[in-house]
């Protein structure tokens, strides 16, 4: 998702990583970690906020624990 000229990367295999890539400076910035480590969340950008929806703790769809939570990041 792109917010204010930054491309956001959130989640990953057993990580709670949250990073932003600046298109202007062509560099990455590590941000505060997500509260819960998730794999394959849905995502949406609404009103300048990044929503990460659901996901699981396993890299295979519908395997492991599937989450029904929403994590919100507001830059």
N, C-alpha and C. Protein backbone atom coordinates (compact mmCIF):
# COMPACT_ATOMS: atom_id res chain seq x y z
N UNK A 1 0.83 -1.17 0.00
CA UNK A 1 0.00 0.00 0.00
C UNK A 1 0.89 1.25 0.00
N UNK A 2 0.47 2.28 -0.68
CA UNK A 2 1.23 3.53 -0.71
C UNK A 2 0.47 4.59 0.08
N UNK A 3 1.14 5.18 1.06
CA UNK A 3 0.57 6.25 1.87
C UNK A 3 1.60 7.37 1.91
N UNK A 4 1.20 8.55 1.47
CA UNK A 4 2.07 9.73 1.49
C UNK A 4 3.43 9.46 0.87
N UNK A 5 3.45 8.81 -0.30
CA UNK A 5 4.69 8.56 -1.02
C UNK A 5 5.56 7.46 -0.45
N UNK A 6 5.01 6.65 0.48
CA UNK A 6 5.77 5.56 1.06
C UNK A 6 5.03 4.25 0.79
N UNK A 7 5.78 3.22 0.41
CA UNK A 7 5.24 1.89 0.18
C UNK A 7 5.43 1.09 1.46
N UNK A 8 4.34 0.52 1.99
CA UNK A 8 4.41 -0.19 3.27
C UNK A 8 4.43 -1.69 3.08
N UNK A 9 5.24 -2.35 3.89
CA UNK A 9 5.35 -3.81 3.93
C UNK A 9 5.10 -4.22 5.38
N UNK A 10 4.06 -5.04 5.59
CA UNK A 10 3.71 -5.44 6.95
C UNK A 10 3.49 -6.94 7.00
N UNK A 11 3.98 -7.58 8.06
CA UNK A 11 3.80 -9.01 8.26
C UNK A 11 4.83 -9.82 7.51
N UNK A 12 4.67 -11.11 7.57
CA UNK A 12 5.60 -12.03 6.92
C UNK A 12 5.68 -13.31 7.72
N UNK A 13 6.38 -14.27 7.21
CA UNK A 13 6.45 -15.58 7.86
C UNK A 13 7.00 -15.48 9.27
N UNK A 14 6.14 -15.64 10.24
CA UNK A 14 6.48 -15.61 11.67
C UNK A 14 7.18 -14.33 12.10
N UNK A 15 6.86 -13.22 11.46
CA UNK A 15 7.44 -11.94 11.87
C UNK A 15 6.35 -10.90 12.07
N UNK A 16 6.68 -9.89 12.79
CA UNK A 16 5.74 -8.78 12.99
C UNK A 16 6.34 -7.52 12.40
N UNK A 17 7.08 -7.71 11.31
CA UNK A 17 7.80 -6.61 10.68
C UNK A 17 6.85 -5.56 10.10
N UNK A 18 7.28 -4.33 10.16
CA UNK A 18 6.53 -3.22 9.58
C UNK A 18 7.57 -2.25 9.05
N UNK A 19 7.65 -2.11 7.74
CA UNK A 19 8.65 -1.26 7.12
C UNK A 19 8.01 -0.38 6.05
N UNK A 20 8.68 0.72 5.75
CA UNK A 20 8.20 1.63 4.70
C UNK A 20 9.35 1.93 3.75
N UNK A 21 9.04 1.98 2.46
CA UNK A 21 10.02 2.31 1.43
C UNK A 21 9.66 3.67 0.87
N UNK A 22 10.58 4.61 0.94
CA UNK A 22 10.36 5.94 0.41
C UNK A 22 10.68 5.97 -1.08
N UNK A 23 9.70 6.33 -1.88
CA UNK A 23 9.91 6.45 -3.31
C UNK A 23 10.84 7.63 -3.63
N UNK A 24 10.81 8.65 -2.78
CA UNK A 24 11.61 9.85 -2.99
C UNK A 24 13.09 9.60 -2.71
N UNK A 25 13.40 8.96 -1.57
CA UNK A 25 14.80 8.75 -1.18
C UNK A 25 15.33 7.37 -1.56
N UNK A 26 14.42 6.50 -2.05
CA UNK A 26 14.78 5.13 -2.42
C UNK A 26 15.47 4.40 -1.27
N UNK A 27 14.86 4.49 -0.07
CA UNK A 27 15.42 3.83 1.11
C UNK A 27 14.31 3.26 1.99
N UNK A 28 14.67 2.23 2.78
CA UNK A 28 13.73 1.58 3.70
C UNK A 28 13.86 2.16 5.09
N UNK A 29 12.74 2.21 5.82
CA UNK A 29 12.72 2.62 7.22
C UNK A 29 11.98 1.55 8.01
N UNK A 30 12.59 1.08 9.11
CA UNK A 30 11.93 0.12 9.98
C UNK A 30 11.04 0.89 10.94
N UNK A 31 9.78 0.47 11.04
CA UNK A 31 8.78 1.13 11.89
C UNK A 31 8.49 0.26 13.10
N UNK A 32 7.65 0.74 13.99
CA UNK A 32 7.24 -0.06 15.15
C UNK A 32 6.65 -1.38 14.67
N UNK A 33 6.98 -2.46 15.35
CA UNK A 33 6.49 -3.78 14.96
C UNK A 33 4.98 -3.88 15.08
N UNK A 34 4.40 -4.76 14.29
CA UNK A 34 2.97 -5.05 14.42
C UNK A 34 2.76 -5.78 15.75
N UNK A 35 1.61 -5.61 16.38
CA UNK A 35 1.36 -6.30 17.66
C UNK A 35 1.42 -7.82 17.53
N UNK A 36 0.93 -8.38 16.43
CA UNK A 36 0.90 -9.82 16.23
C UNK A 36 1.58 -10.18 14.91
N UNK A 37 2.44 -11.20 14.95
CA UNK A 37 3.08 -11.69 13.72
C UNK A 37 2.03 -12.41 12.89
N UNK A 38 1.92 -12.06 11.60
CA UNK A 38 0.93 -12.68 10.73
C UNK A 38 1.50 -12.96 9.35
N UNK A 39 0.90 -13.93 8.69
CA UNK A 39 1.24 -14.29 7.32
C UNK A 39 -0.01 -14.14 6.48
N UNK A 40 0.14 -13.60 5.29
CA UNK A 40 -0.94 -13.48 4.31
C UNK A 40 -2.18 -12.73 4.82
N UNK A 41 -2.00 -11.57 5.45
CA UNK A 41 -3.20 -10.82 5.83
C UNK A 41 -3.80 -10.14 4.61
N UNK A 42 -5.08 -9.85 4.69
CA UNK A 42 -5.68 -8.96 3.71
C UNK A 42 -5.28 -7.56 4.11
N UNK A 43 -5.31 -6.62 3.20
CA UNK A 43 -4.95 -5.25 3.58
C UNK A 43 -5.81 -4.27 2.81
N UNK A 44 -5.98 -3.11 3.43
CA UNK A 44 -6.77 -2.05 2.81
C UNK A 44 -6.26 -0.70 3.31
N UNK A 45 -6.42 0.30 2.49
CA UNK A 45 -6.06 1.67 2.85
C UNK A 45 -7.34 2.47 2.89
N UNK A 46 -7.67 2.98 4.09
CA UNK A 46 -8.90 3.76 4.27
C UNK A 46 -8.57 4.98 5.11
N UNK A 47 -8.85 6.16 4.60
CA UNK A 47 -8.64 7.38 5.36
C UNK A 47 -7.21 7.58 5.84
N UNK A 48 -6.21 7.15 5.04
CA UNK A 48 -4.81 7.31 5.41
C UNK A 48 -4.31 6.30 6.42
N UNK A 49 -5.12 5.30 6.73
CA UNK A 49 -4.71 4.24 7.66
C UNK A 49 -4.57 2.93 6.91
N UNK A 50 -3.56 2.14 7.29
CA UNK A 50 -3.34 0.81 6.71
C UNK A 50 -3.98 -0.22 7.63
N UNK A 51 -4.89 -1.00 7.09
CA UNK A 51 -5.56 -2.05 7.84
C UNK A 51 -5.03 -3.41 7.39
N UNK A 52 -4.57 -4.23 8.32
CA UNK A 52 -4.15 -5.61 8.04
C UNK A 52 -5.21 -6.50 8.69
N UNK A 53 -5.87 -7.29 7.87
CA UNK A 53 -7.04 -8.04 8.30
C UNK A 53 -6.78 -9.53 8.24
N UNK A 54 -7.04 -10.22 9.34
CA UNK A 54 -6.92 -11.67 9.37
C UNK A 54 -5.49 -12.13 9.20
N UNK A 55 -5.32 -13.21 8.45
CA UNK A 55 -4.01 -13.82 8.27
C UNK A 55 -3.90 -15.08 9.12
N UNK A 56 -2.72 -15.64 9.16
CA UNK A 56 -2.50 -16.84 9.96
C UNK A 56 -1.07 -16.85 10.49
N UNK A 57 -0.73 -17.91 11.22
CA UNK A 57 0.63 -18.04 11.73
C UNK A 57 1.44 -19.03 10.91
N UNK A 58 0.90 -19.41 9.73
CA UNK A 58 1.52 -20.41 8.88
C UNK A 58 1.50 -19.90 7.45
N UNK A 59 2.53 -20.18 6.66
CA UNK A 59 2.61 -19.69 5.29
C UNK A 59 1.70 -20.40 4.30
N UNK A 60 1.00 -21.45 4.75
CA UNK A 60 0.09 -22.18 3.88
C UNK A 60 -1.33 -21.74 4.18
N UNK A 61 -2.07 -21.36 3.16
CA UNK A 61 -3.43 -20.84 3.35
C UNK A 61 -4.29 -21.84 4.11
N UNK A 62 -5.00 -21.35 5.13
CA UNK A 62 -5.92 -22.10 5.97
C UNK A 62 -5.25 -23.22 6.76
N UNK A 63 -3.98 -23.07 7.04
CA UNK A 63 -3.26 -24.01 7.89
C UNK A 63 -2.83 -23.27 9.15
N UNK A 64 -2.59 -23.98 10.22
CA UNK A 64 -2.18 -23.35 11.47
C UNK A 64 -3.35 -22.56 12.05
N UNK A 65 -3.05 -21.54 12.82
CA UNK A 65 -4.07 -20.70 13.44
C UNK A 65 -4.45 -19.59 12.47
N UNK A 66 -5.74 -19.45 12.18
CA UNK A 66 -6.24 -18.39 11.32
C UNK A 66 -6.82 -17.31 12.24
N UNK A 67 -6.41 -16.04 12.03
CA UNK A 67 -6.81 -14.95 12.90
C UNK A 67 -8.00 -14.19 12.34
N UNK A 68 -8.83 -13.69 13.26
CA UNK A 68 -9.98 -12.88 12.86
C UNK A 68 -9.85 -11.45 13.40
N UNK A 69 -8.61 -10.98 13.50
CA UNK A 69 -8.35 -9.65 14.06
C UNK A 69 -8.03 -8.64 12.97
N UNK A 70 -8.04 -7.36 13.37
CA UNK A 70 -7.67 -6.27 12.48
C UNK A 70 -6.58 -5.48 13.19
N UNK A 71 -5.45 -5.26 12.50
CA UNK A 71 -4.38 -4.44 13.02
C UNK A 71 -4.35 -3.16 12.17
N UNK A 72 -4.25 -2.01 12.83
CA UNK A 72 -4.34 -0.73 12.14
C UNK A 72 -3.06 0.06 12.35
N UNK A 73 -2.52 0.61 11.25
CA UNK A 73 -1.34 1.48 11.33
C UNK A 73 -1.69 2.83 10.75
N UNK A 74 -1.40 3.87 11.51
CA UNK A 74 -1.63 5.23 11.02
C UNK A 74 -0.30 5.96 11.01
N UNK A 75 0.24 6.26 9.81
CA UNK A 75 1.53 6.95 9.76
C UNK A 75 1.42 8.39 10.22
